[in-house]
Amino acid sequence: MSGQRDGHLRVWSADTLQPVREIQLSDDVVALTTHETQLAVGLDHAILLLDADYKIRRTIRTPHTPHDLQFSPDGRILAAGTWFRLLEWDVASGEMHSIPTEHNGLLTSIAFSPDGRYLATLGRHTDSAIRIVDTTDFRVVQRYQAHELCGAVIRFSPDGQTLASGSDDESVRLYRFNRPAYSSNGAIPSAHRKSRAKPRRSRP
C-alpha cells in the first residue's frame, strides 16, 4: 500500500510489484499506517479510517497535519507528530489530545515500542533530536544524540531493545534502548534524565 501527494492510494502486488487497485481520495496523502484490518490515512486536515475492503468507515477531523501516523500496538490509539507537539486520537471516540514536547520544530517521525509503553519521536528542520517518552504520562525518559541534518524516520526493532533512525545527512544510526529505572515514587532519577546515549557504530 502506498499513498501519494496526488490524492491516490495504490495497492501493489507483492509478487509482481504491479498496481492492482487505485483509490481516489479528496486530498493529498501525507501519512498512512495499518493495524490488522484497519487502515488509517492521514490527509492535511483529516484522518480516514478504512476497512479491509478500503471503504471509509470513519473520518476524524484534525486541526494539524498528521505526520508519520502510527497505531499503538493494541490498535486503540493513533499518534502523529506535528509542529512542536505530539498528537494522539482515541480510535473508538475520535477524541484528540495535543501533547507538548521538547522538540523545536516538526516531529517528522514517531514510533511505538512493541509493548506500547514508550514512544520515540524524531525532529526535522531546526531540530533533529530524538526523544523517548513514557506513554502513561509523556515524561521524557531518554534523550539521544541528534543527527547532523534533518531527521527522516525512526523505528524500534521487534524486540524493543534497539532504535534505528535515518536522516538527510545520509546516515542510519542504531541505538541501544535501555528501559529507564524508576524510583519508588515513579520519578526518573535526574542523572538518567540528563544522560545522552551515543549511537552504536557498526564495525567495518
C-alpha atoms as a PDB file:
ATOM      1  CA  MET A   1       0.000   0.000   0.000  1.00  0.00           C
ATOM      2  CA  SER A   2       1.278   3.480  -0.845  1.00  0.00           C
ATOM      3  CA  GLY A   3      -0.130   6.976  -0.615  1.00  0.00           C
ATOM      4  CA  GLN A   4       0.761   9.851  -2.918  1.00  0.00           C
ATOM      5  CA  ARG A   5       0.547  13.615  -2.966  1.00  0.00           C
ATOM      6  CA  ASP A   6      -1.804  13.307  -5.929  1.00  0.00           C
ATOM      7  CA  GLY A   7      -4.533  12.077  -3.556  1.00  0.00           C
ATOM      8  CA  HIS A   8      -4.342   8.410  -4.568  1.00  0.00           C
ATOM      9  CA  LEU A   9      -3.953   5.240  -2.546  1.00  0.00           C
ATOM     10  CA  ARG A  10      -2.373   2.424  -4.527  1.00  0.00           C
ATOM     11  CA  VAL A  11      -2.391  -1.261  -3.678  1.00  0.00           C
ATOM     12  CA  TRP A  12       0.528  -3.214  -5.127  1.00  0.00           C
ATOM     13  CA  SER A  13       1.121  -6.910  -5.742  1.00  0.00           C
ATOM     14  CA  ALA A  14       3.958  -8.167  -3.547  1.00  0.00           C
ATOM     15  CA  ASP A  15       4.796 -10.767  -6.220  1.00  0.00           C
ATOM     16  CA  THR A  16       4.842  -8.641  -9.381  1.00  0.00           C
ATOM     17  CA  LEU A  17       5.247  -5.133  -7.871  1.00  0.00           C
ATOM     18  CA  GLN A  18       2.462  -4.006 -10.164  1.00  0.00           C
ATOM     19  CA  PRO A  19      -0.508  -1.878  -9.015  1.00  0.00           C
ATOM     20  CA  VAL A  20      -3.679  -3.914  -8.522  1.00  0.00           C
ATOM     21  CA  ARG A  21      -6.017  -1.221  -7.196  1.00  0.00           C
ATOM     22  CA  GLU A  22      -6.222   2.564  -7.040  1.00  0.00           C
ATOM     23  CA  ILE A  23      -8.405   4.616  -4.692  1.00  0.00           C
ATOM     24  CA  GLN A  24      -9.001   8.316  -5.306  1.00  0.00           C
ATOM     25  CA  LEU A  25      -9.272  10.436  -2.159  1.00  0.00           C
ATOM     26  CA  SER A  26     -10.296  14.040  -1.650  1.00  0.00           C
ATOM     27  CA  ASP A  27      -6.876  15.364  -0.608  1.00  0.00           C
ATOM     28  CA  ASP A  28      -3.143  14.651  -0.663  1.00  0.00           C
ATOM     29  CA  VAL A  29      -1.983  11.629   1.328  1.00  0.00           C
ATOM     30  CA  VAL A  30       0.634  12.634   3.907  1.00  0.00           C
ATOM     31  CA  ALA A  31       0.750   9.507   6.106  1.00  0.00           C
ATOM     32  CA  LEU A  32      -0.689   6.024   6.437  1.00  0.00           C
ATOM     33  CA  THR A  33      -0.490   3.101   8.823  1.00  0.00           C
ATOM     34  CA  THR A  34      -2.215  -0.232   9.390  1.00  0.00           C
ATOM     35  CA  HIS A  35      -3.303  -2.397  12.300  1.00  0.00           C
ATOM     36  CA  GLU A  36      -4.759  -5.793  11.426  1.00  0.00           C
ATOM     37  CA  THR A  37      -7.683  -4.971   9.078  1.00  0.00           C
ATOM     38  CA  GLN A  38      -7.662  -1.232   9.841  1.00  0.00           C
ATOM     39  CA  LEU A  39      -6.014   1.310   7.571  1.00  0.00           C
ATOM     40  CA  ALA A  40      -5.561   4.903   8.726  1.00  0.00           C
ATOM     41  CA  VAL A  41      -4.800   7.522   6.078  1.00  0.00           C
ATOM     42  CA  GLY A  42      -3.611  10.975   7.080  1.00  0.00           C
ATOM     43  CA  LEU A  43      -4.672  13.931   4.950  1.00  0.00           C
ATOM     44  CA  ASP A  44      -3.869  17.592   5.572  1.00  0.00           C
ATOM     45  CA  HIS A  45      -6.814  18.146   7.940  1.00  0.00           C
ATOM     46  CA  ALA A  46      -8.375  14.727   8.461  1.00  0.00           C
ATOM     47  CA  ILE A  47      -7.677  11.078   9.153  1.00  0.00           C
ATOM     48  CA  LEU A  48      -9.653   8.454   7.249  1.00  0.00           C
ATOM     49  CA  LEU A  49     -10.225   5.025   8.789  1.00  0.00           C
ATOM     50  CA  LEU A  50     -10.733   2.364   6.114  1.00  0.00           C
ATOM     51  CA  ASP A  51     -11.765  -1.281   6.448  1.00  0.00           C
ATOM     52  CA  ALA A  52     -10.313  -4.339   4.709  1.00  0.00           C
ATOM     53  CA  ASP A  53     -12.318  -3.512   1.564  1.00  0.00           C
ATOM     54  CA  TYR A  54     -10.858   0.032   1.503  1.00  0.00           C
ATOM     55  CA  LYS A  55     -14.222   1.566   2.351  1.00  0.00           C
ATOM     56  CA  ILE A  56     -14.111   4.698   4.512  1.00  0.00           C
ATOM     57  CA  ARG A  57     -15.876   3.839   7.773  1.00  0.00           C
ATOM     58  CA  ARG A  58     -14.936   6.943   9.732  1.00  0.00           C
ATOM     59  CA  THR A  59     -13.410  10.404   9.336  1.00  0.00           C
ATOM     60  CA  ILE A  60     -11.548  12.062  12.202  1.00  0.00           C
ATOM     61  CA  ARG A  61     -11.037  15.807  11.815  1.00  0.00           C
ATOM     62  CA  THR A  62      -7.744  17.319  12.931  1.00  0.00           C
ATOM     63  CA  PRO A  63      -6.573  20.955  13.079  1.00  0.00           C
ATOM     64  CA  HIS A  64      -2.988  19.910  12.341  1.00  0.00           C
ATOM     65  CA  THR A  65      -1.471  17.817   9.556  1.00  0.00           C
ATOM     66  CA  PRO A  66      -0.575  14.355  10.946  1.00  0.00           C
ATOM     67  CA  HIS A  67       2.985  13.284  10.142  1.00  0.00           C
ATOM     68  CA  ASP A  68       4.083   9.637  10.269  1.00  0.00           C
ATOM     69  CA  LEU A  69       0.750   8.377  11.577  1.00  0.00           C
ATOM     70  CA  GLN A  70       1.112   5.256  13.769  1.00  0.00           C
ATOM     71  CA  PHE A  71      -1.274   2.866  15.525  1.00  0.00           C
ATOM     72  CA  SER A  72      -0.418   1.770  19.039  1.00  0.00           C
ATOM     73  CA  PRO A  73       0.304  -1.992  19.235  1.00  0.00           C
ATOM     74  CA  ASP A  74      -3.207  -2.698  20.578  1.00  0.00           C
ATOM     75  CA  GLY A  75      -4.830  -0.579  17.846  1.00  0.00           C
ATOM     76  CA  ARG A  76      -6.678   1.667  20.294  1.00  0.00           C
ATOM     77  CA  ILE A  77      -4.623   4.830  19.775  1.00  0.00           C
ATOM     78  CA  LEU A  78      -3.428   6.724  16.713  1.00  0.00           C
ATOM     79  CA  ALA A  79      -0.443   9.030  17.125  1.00  0.00           C
ATOM     80  CA  ALA A  80       1.275  11.518  14.856  1.00  0.00           C
ATOM     81  CA  GLY A  81       3.811  14.303  15.033  1.00  0.00           C
ATOM     82  CA  THR A  82       3.185  17.913  14.129  1.00  0.00           C
ATOM     83  CA  TRP A  83       4.951  21.234  14.775  1.00  0.00           C
ATOM     84  CA  PHE A  84       6.331  21.147  18.345  1.00  0.00           C
ATOM     85  CA  ARG A  85       3.649  18.724  19.561  1.00  0.00           C
ATOM     86  CA  LEU A  86       2.609  15.089  19.644  1.00  0.00           C
ATOM     87  CA  LEU A  87      -0.981  14.303  18.682  1.00  0.00           C
ATOM     88  CA  GLU A  88      -2.992  11.289  19.873  1.00  0.00           C
ATOM     89  CA  TRP A  89      -6.502  10.155  18.945  1.00  0.00           C
ATOM     90  CA  ASP A  90      -8.690   7.587  20.628  1.00  0.00           C
ATOM     91  CA  VAL A  91      -9.707   5.369  17.704  1.00  0.00           C
ATOM     92  CA  ALA A  92     -13.114   4.487  19.178  1.00  0.00           C
ATOM     93  CA  SER A  93     -14.229   8.026  20.077  1.00  0.00           C
ATOM     94  CA  GLY A  94     -12.050  10.176  17.820  1.00  0.00           C
ATOM     95  CA  GLU A  95     -11.070  12.348  20.803  1.00  0.00           C
ATOM     96  CA  MET A  96      -7.736  14.124  20.262  1.00  0.00           C
ATOM     97  CA  HIS A  97      -5.044  15.051  22.760  1.00  0.00           C
ATOM     98  CA  SER A  98      -2.275  17.536  21.927  1.00  0.00           C
ATOM     99  CA  ILE A  99       0.890  16.973  23.959  1.00  0.00           C
ATOM    100  CA  PRO A 100       3.759  19.493  24.154  1.00  0.00           C
ATOM    101  CA  THR A 101       7.269  18.157  23.539  1.00  0.00           C
ATOM    102  CA  GLU A 102      10.885  19.268  23.822  1.00  0.00           C
ATOM    103  CA  HIS A 103      11.230  19.493  20.036  1.00  0.00           C
ATOM    104  CA  ASN A 104      11.932  22.893  18.465  1.00  0.00           C
ATOM    105  CA  GLY A 105      10.320  22.118  15.116  1.00  0.00           C
ATOM    106  CA  LEU A 106       8.348  19.475  13.245  1.00  0.00           C
ATOM    107  CA  LEU A 107       8.122  15.948  14.672  1.00  0.00           C
ATOM    108  CA  THR A 108       8.698  14.187  11.383  1.00  0.00           C
ATOM    109  CA  SER A 109       8.658  10.583  12.621  1.00  0.00           C
ATOM    110  CA  ILE A 110       7.339   8.646  15.609  1.00  0.00           C
ATOM    111  CA  ALA A 111       7.356   5.003  16.694  1.00  0.00           C
ATOM    112  CA  PHE A 112       5.682   2.995  19.457  1.00  0.00           C
ATOM    113  CA  SER A 113       7.736   0.401  21.293  1.00  0.00           C
ATOM    114  CA  PRO A 114       6.375  -3.134  20.665  1.00  0.00           C
ATOM    115  CA  ASP A 115       4.705  -3.211  24.096  1.00  0.00           C
ATOM    116  CA  GLY A 116       3.202   0.270  23.653  1.00  0.00           C
ATOM    117  CA  ARG A 117       4.846   1.625  26.822  1.00  0.00           C
ATOM    118  CA  TYR A 118       7.167   4.064  25.043  1.00  0.00           C
ATOM    119  CA  LEU A 119       7.005   6.373  22.061  1.00  0.00           C
ATOM    120  CA  ALA A 120      10.047   7.581  20.125  1.00  0.00           C
ATOM    121  CA  THR A 121       9.938  10.975  18.390  1.00  0.00           C
ATOM    122  CA  LEU A 122      12.347  12.418  15.813  1.00  0.00           C
ATOM    123  CA  GLY A 123      12.595  16.066  14.822  1.00  0.00           C
ATOM    124  CA  ARG A 124      13.201  17.772  11.496  1.00  0.00           C
ATOM    125  CA  HIS A 125      14.222  21.202  10.168  1.00  0.00           C
ATOM    126  CA  THR A 126      15.887  23.088  13.060  1.00  0.00           C
ATOM    127  CA  ASP A 127      15.587  20.103  15.409  1.00  0.00           C
ATOM    128  CA  SER A 128      16.900  16.626  14.582  1.00  0.00           C
ATOM    129  CA  ALA A 129      16.716  15.484  18.206  1.00  0.00           C
ATOM    130  CA  ILE A 130      15.453  12.091  19.356  1.00  0.00           C
ATOM    131  CA  ARG A 131      13.303  11.714  22.450  1.00  0.00           C
ATOM    132  CA  ILE A 132      11.666   8.722  24.141  1.00  0.00           C
ATOM    133  CA  VAL A 133       8.548   9.364  26.228  1.00  0.00           C
ATOM    134  CA  ASP A 134       6.567   7.126  28.546  1.00  0.00           C
ATOM    135  CA  THR A 135       3.061   6.811  27.081  1.00  0.00           C
ATOM    136  CA  THR A 136       1.460   6.756  30.547  1.00  0.00           C
ATOM    137  CA  ASP A 137       2.417  10.372  31.377  1.00  0.00           C
ATOM    138  CA  PHE A 138       4.501  11.553  28.357  1.00  0.00           C
ATOM    139  CA  ARG A 139       7.515  12.191  30.543  1.00  0.00           C
ATOM    140  CA  VAL A 140      10.811  12.164  28.614  1.00  0.00           C
ATOM    141  CA  VAL A 141      12.737   9.078  29.712  1.00  0.00           C
ATOM    142  CA  GLN A 142      15.657   9.195  27.280  1.00  0.00           C
ATOM    143  CA  ARG A 143      17.429  11.659  25.009  1.00  0.00           C
ATOM    144  CA  TYR A 144      19.724  10.613  22.167  1.00  0.00           C
ATOM    145  CA  GLN A 145      22.383  12.392  20.149  1.00  0.00           C
ATOM    146  CA  ALA A 146      20.839  14.440  17.350  1.00  0.00           C
ATOM    147  CA  HIS A 147      21.636  13.904  13.674  1.00  0.00           C
ATOM    148  CA  GLU A 148      23.716  16.480  11.818  1.00  0.00           C
ATOM    149  CA  LEU A 149      20.811  17.301   9.461  1.00  0.00           C
ATOM    150  CA  CYS A 150      17.043  16.859   9.412  1.00  0.00           C
ATOM    151  CA  GLY A 151      15.655  13.654  10.864  1.00  0.00           C
ATOM    152  CA  ALA A 152      13.712  11.437   8.451  1.00  0.00           C
ATOM    153  CA  VAL A 153      12.443   8.254  10.129  1.00  0.00           C
ATOM    154  CA  ILE A 154      12.727   6.351  13.416  1.00  0.00           C
ATOM    155  CA  ARG A 155      11.665   2.796  14.312  1.00  0.00           C
ATOM    156  CA  PHE A 156      12.012   0.252  17.131  1.00  0.00           C
ATOM    157  CA  SER A 157      13.318  -3.243  16.494  1.00  0.00           C
ATOM    158  CA  PRO A 158      10.749  -6.053  17.041  1.00  0.00           C
ATOM    159  CA  ASP A 159      12.230  -6.875  20.467  1.00  0.00           C
ATOM    160  CA  GLY A 160      12.111  -3.217  21.544  1.00  0.00           C
ATOM    161  CA  GLN A 161      15.785  -3.137  22.508  1.00  0.00           C
ATOM    162  CA  THR A 162      17.156  -1.163  19.561  1.00  0.00           C
ATOM    163  CA  LEU A 163      16.175   2.052  17.788  1.00  0.00           C
ATOM    164  CA  ALA A 164      17.104   2.869  14.204  1.00  0.00           C
ATOM    165  CA  SER A 165      16.987   6.427  12.864  1.00  0.00           C
ATOM    166  CA  GLY A 166      17.672   7.852   9.418  1.00  0.00           C
ATOM    167  CA  SER A 167      18.495  11.407   8.417  1.00  0.00           C
ATOM    168  CA  ASP A 168      19.072  13.748   5.484  1.00  0.00           C
ATOM    169  CA  ASP A 169      22.750  13.581   6.461  1.00  0.00           C
ATOM    170  CA  GLU A 170      22.680  10.141   4.750  1.00  0.00           C
ATOM    171  CA  SER A 171      23.343   8.270   7.981  1.00  0.00           C
ATOM    172  CA  VAL A 172      21.465   5.466   9.704  1.00  0.00           C
ATOM    173  CA  ARG A 173      22.131   5.164  13.418  1.00  0.00           C
ATOM    174  CA  LEU A 174      21.400   2.308  15.787  1.00  0.00           C
ATOM    175  CA  TYR A 175      20.792   3.000  19.475  1.00  0.00           C
ATOM    176  CA  ARG A 176      20.513   0.535  22.330  1.00  0.00           C
ATOM    177  CA  PHE A 177      17.342   1.367  24.252  1.00  0.00           C
ATOM    178  CA  ASN A 178      17.748   0.704  27.951  1.00  0.00           C
ATOM    179  CA  ARG A 179      14.455   0.874  29.796  1.00  0.00           C
ATOM    180  CA  PRO A 180      14.594   3.638  32.417  1.00  0.00           C
ATOM    181  CA  ALA A 181      14.956   2.851  36.088  1.00  0.00           C
ATOM    182  CA  TYR A 182      12.183   4.471  38.136  1.00  0.00           C
ATOM    183  CA  SER A 183      12.469   5.482  41.770  1.00  0.00           C
ATOM    184  CA  SER A 184       9.872   4.360  44.313  1.00  0.00           C
ATOM    185  CA  ASN A 185       7.712   7.453  43.703  1.00  0.00           C
ATOM    186  CA  GLY A 186       7.723   6.908  39.943  1.00  0.00           C
ATOM    187  CA  ALA A 187      10.128   9.760  39.187  1.00  0.00           C
ATOM    188  CA  ILE A 188      13.037   9.323  36.857  1.00  0.00           C
ATOM    189  CA  PRO A 189      16.429   9.876  38.516  1.00  0.00           C
ATOM    190  CA  SER A 190      17.898  13.233  37.450  1.00  0.00           C
ATOM    191  CA  ALA A 191      21.122  11.621  36.281  1.00  0.00           C
ATOM    192  CA  HIS A 192      19.122   9.437  33.925  1.00  0.00           C
ATOM    193  CA  ARG A 193      17.119  12.377  32.574  1.00  0.00           C
ATOM    194  CA  LYS A 194      20.273  14.246  31.652  1.00  0.00           C
ATOM    195  CA  SER A 195      22.148  11.353  30.076  1.00  0.00           C
ATOM    196  CA  ARG A 196      22.658  11.291  26.318  1.00  0.00           C
ATOM    197  CA  ALA A 197      23.203   7.856  24.856  1.00  0.00           C
ATOM    198  CA  LYS A 198      25.634   7.595  21.976  1.00  0.00           C
ATOM    199  CA  PRO A 199      24.731   5.664  18.825  1.00  0.00           C
ATOM    200  CA  ARG A 200      26.120   2.186  18.335  1.00  0.00           C
ATOM    201  CA  ARG A 201      28.528   2.166  15.460  1.00  0.00           C
ATOM    202  CA  SER A 202      28.798  -0.831  13.182  1.00  0.00           C
ATOM    203  CA  ARG A 203      32.149  -2.471  12.663  1.00  0.00           C
ATOM    204  CA  PRO A 204      33.697  -2.359   9.189  1.00  0.00           C
END
